[in-house]
Structure formats: structure tokens, C-alpha cells
């Protein structure tokens, strides 16, 4: 299972919390790339509800958050 920020972004608006089957259904309905579907199929087959993409890919960083921007540094340039 290989995730990238681009692939994970297809699940940002998923109906969280969601089970594996609900995520697969959502990805299919929204036209997510096949790699997203392949990654979801590789999840364990339990009925656990995932609270967000971070439960699936712990290293995910929301692209809306800018962790590299420092407001204080703006004055120096």
C-alpha cells in the first residue's frame, strides 16, 4: 500500500467515520484513481470505522496546513 498526498486527497471529503467498504464505495462513486481503490482493498477486512485519513495513513499531512510557513520569517525577506 503506497499513499501519496495526492492519492490521500481523494479521501479528504469522504463521509468520516467510515468503514473499509464505505470508503471503497465513496472512492468508486467519486472517480478516485485505481491506486486509491487498490490501497483501500489492502486495508484489513474488519468492520472498524476509520475516523479520518490519518487512521489509514498516519504520516498524512493535510495539504491545507502549511507546516513550513513561519509568519515571523516573512519580515526578514
C-alpha atoms as a PDB file:
ATOM      1  CA  UNK A   1       0.000   0.000   0.000  1.00  0.00           C
ATOM      2  CA  UNK A   2       1.597   3.232  -1.159  1.00  0.00           C
ATOM      3  CA  UNK A   3      -0.015   6.561  -0.305  1.00  0.00           C
ATOM      4  CA  UNK A   4       0.959   9.979  -1.560  1.00  0.00           C
ATOM      5  CA  UNK A   5      -0.594  13.311  -0.570  1.00  0.00           C
ATOM      6  CA  UNK A   6      -2.261  13.431  -3.990  1.00  0.00           C
ATOM      7  CA  UNK A   7      -3.855   9.998  -3.547  1.00  0.00           C
ATOM      8  CA  UNK A   8      -4.936  10.699   0.021  1.00  0.00           C
ATOM      9  CA  UNK A   9      -6.545  13.975  -1.066  1.00  0.00           C
ATOM     10  CA  UNK A  10      -9.218  11.954  -2.876  1.00  0.00           C
ATOM     11  CA  UNK A  11     -10.482  10.829   0.547  1.00  0.00           C
ATOM     12  CA  UNK A  12     -10.430  14.201   2.321  1.00  0.00           C
ATOM     13  CA  UNK A  13     -14.162  14.735   1.767  1.00  0.00           C
ATOM     14  CA  UNK A  14     -15.142  11.131   2.490  1.00  0.00           C
ATOM     15  CA  UNK A  15     -18.013  10.635   4.943  1.00  0.00           C
ATOM     16  CA  UNK A  16     -15.842  10.099   8.044  1.00  0.00           C
ATOM     17  CA  UNK A  17     -16.072   7.968  10.140  1.00  0.00           C
ATOM     18  CA  UNK A  18     -16.263   5.232   7.534  1.00  0.00           C
ATOM     19  CA  UNK A  19     -15.615   1.519   7.228  1.00  0.00           C
ATOM     20  CA  UNK A  20     -13.403  -0.010   4.549  1.00  0.00           C
ATOM     21  CA  UNK A  21     -16.422  -0.856   2.385  1.00  0.00           C
ATOM     22  CA  UNK A  22     -17.872   2.656   2.735  1.00  0.00           C
ATOM     23  CA  UNK A  23     -14.533   4.166   1.692  1.00  0.00           C
ATOM     24  CA  UNK A  24     -14.298   1.886  -1.333  1.00  0.00           C
ATOM     25  CA  UNK A  25     -17.853   2.825  -2.319  1.00  0.00           C
ATOM     26  CA  UNK A  26     -17.051   6.532  -1.903  1.00  0.00           C
ATOM     27  CA  UNK A  27     -13.852   6.249  -3.949  1.00  0.00           C
ATOM     28  CA  UNK A  28     -15.676   4.440  -6.745  1.00  0.00           C
ATOM     29  CA  UNK A  29     -18.525   6.978  -6.838  1.00  0.00           C
ATOM     30  CA  UNK A  30     -16.166   9.963  -6.909  1.00  0.00           C
ATOM     31  CA  UNK A  31     -13.907   8.563  -9.611  1.00  0.00           C
ATOM     32  CA  UNK A  32     -10.768   8.191  -7.494  1.00  0.00           C
ATOM     33  CA  UNK A  33      -7.745   6.707  -9.283  1.00  0.00           C
ATOM     34  CA  UNK A  34      -7.299   2.945  -9.288  1.00  0.00           C
ATOM     35  CA  UNK A  35      -4.309   3.251  -6.911  1.00  0.00           C
ATOM     36  CA  UNK A  36      -6.655   4.673  -4.238  1.00  0.00           C
ATOM     37  CA  UNK A  37      -9.011   1.741  -4.686  1.00  0.00           C
ATOM     38  CA  UNK A  38      -6.121  -0.726  -4.598  1.00  0.00           C
ATOM     39  CA  UNK A  39      -4.857   0.836  -1.356  1.00  0.00           C
ATOM     40  CA  UNK A  40      -8.314   0.652   0.217  1.00  0.00           C
ATOM     41  CA  UNK A  41      -8.689  -3.002  -0.780  1.00  0.00           C
ATOM     42  CA  UNK A  42      -5.435  -3.721   1.073  1.00  0.00           C
ATOM     43  CA  UNK A  43      -6.874  -2.491   4.380  1.00  0.00           C
ATOM     44  CA  UNK A  44      -7.696  -5.168   6.934  1.00  0.00           C
ATOM     45  CA  UNK A  45     -11.139  -6.707   6.500  1.00  0.00           C
ATOM     46  CA  UNK A  46     -12.534  -5.765   9.890  1.00  0.00           C
ATOM     47  CA  UNK A  47     -15.570  -3.573  10.474  1.00  0.00           C
ATOM     48  CA  UNK A  48     -13.581  -0.849  12.180  1.00  0.00           C
ATOM     49  CA  UNK A  49     -14.729   2.668  11.380  1.00  0.00           C
ATOM     50  CA  UNK A  50     -11.817   4.888  10.392  1.00  0.00           C
ATOM     51  CA  UNK A  51     -12.090   8.417  11.797  1.00  0.00           C
ATOM     52  CA  UNK A  52     -10.010  10.037   9.066  1.00  0.00           C
ATOM     53  CA  UNK A  53      -7.245   9.521   6.536  1.00  0.00           C
ATOM     54  CA  UNK A  54      -4.745   9.695   9.401  1.00  0.00           C
ATOM     55  CA  UNK A  55      -6.104   6.341  10.655  1.00  0.00           C
ATOM     56  CA  UNK A  56      -5.263   4.801   7.287  1.00  0.00           C
ATOM     57  CA  UNK A  57      -2.014   6.667   6.606  1.00  0.00           C
ATOM     58  CA  UNK A  58      -0.534   8.001   9.884  1.00  0.00           C
ATOM     59  CA  UNK A  59       2.092  10.112   8.073  1.00  0.00           C
ATOM     60  CA  UNK A  60      -0.544  12.116   6.189  1.00  0.00           C
ATOM     61  CA  UNK A  61      -0.190  15.879   6.375  1.00  0.00           C
ATOM     62  CA  UNK A  62      -3.250  17.861   5.377  1.00  0.00           C
ATOM     63  CA  UNK A  63      -2.325  19.964   2.355  1.00  0.00           C
ATOM     64  CA  UNK A  64      -4.405  22.841   3.750  1.00  0.00           C
ATOM     65  CA  UNK A  65      -1.976  23.099   6.648  1.00  0.00           C
ATOM     66  CA  UNK A  66       1.299  24.806   5.835  1.00  0.00           C
ATOM     67  CA  UNK A  67       3.797  23.426   8.320  1.00  0.00           C
ATOM     68  CA  UNK A  68       6.724  25.121   6.618  1.00  0.00           C
ATOM     69  CA  UNK A  69       5.404  28.672   6.711  1.00  0.00           C
ATOM     70  CA  UNK A  70       6.600  30.791   9.570  1.00  0.00           C
ATOM     71  CA  UNK A  71       4.824  34.113   9.938  1.00  0.00           C
ATOM     72  CA  UNK A  72       7.830  35.619  11.761  1.00  0.00           C
ATOM     73  CA  UNK A  73      10.169  34.859   8.866  1.00  0.00           C
ATOM     74  CA  UNK A  74       8.039  36.928   6.486  1.00  0.00           C
ATOM     75  CA  UNK A  75       9.522  40.163   7.870  1.00  0.00           C
ATOM     76  CA  UNK A  76      13.057  39.059   7.122  1.00  0.00           C
ATOM     77  CA  UNK A  77      12.669  38.775   3.356  1.00  0.00           C
END
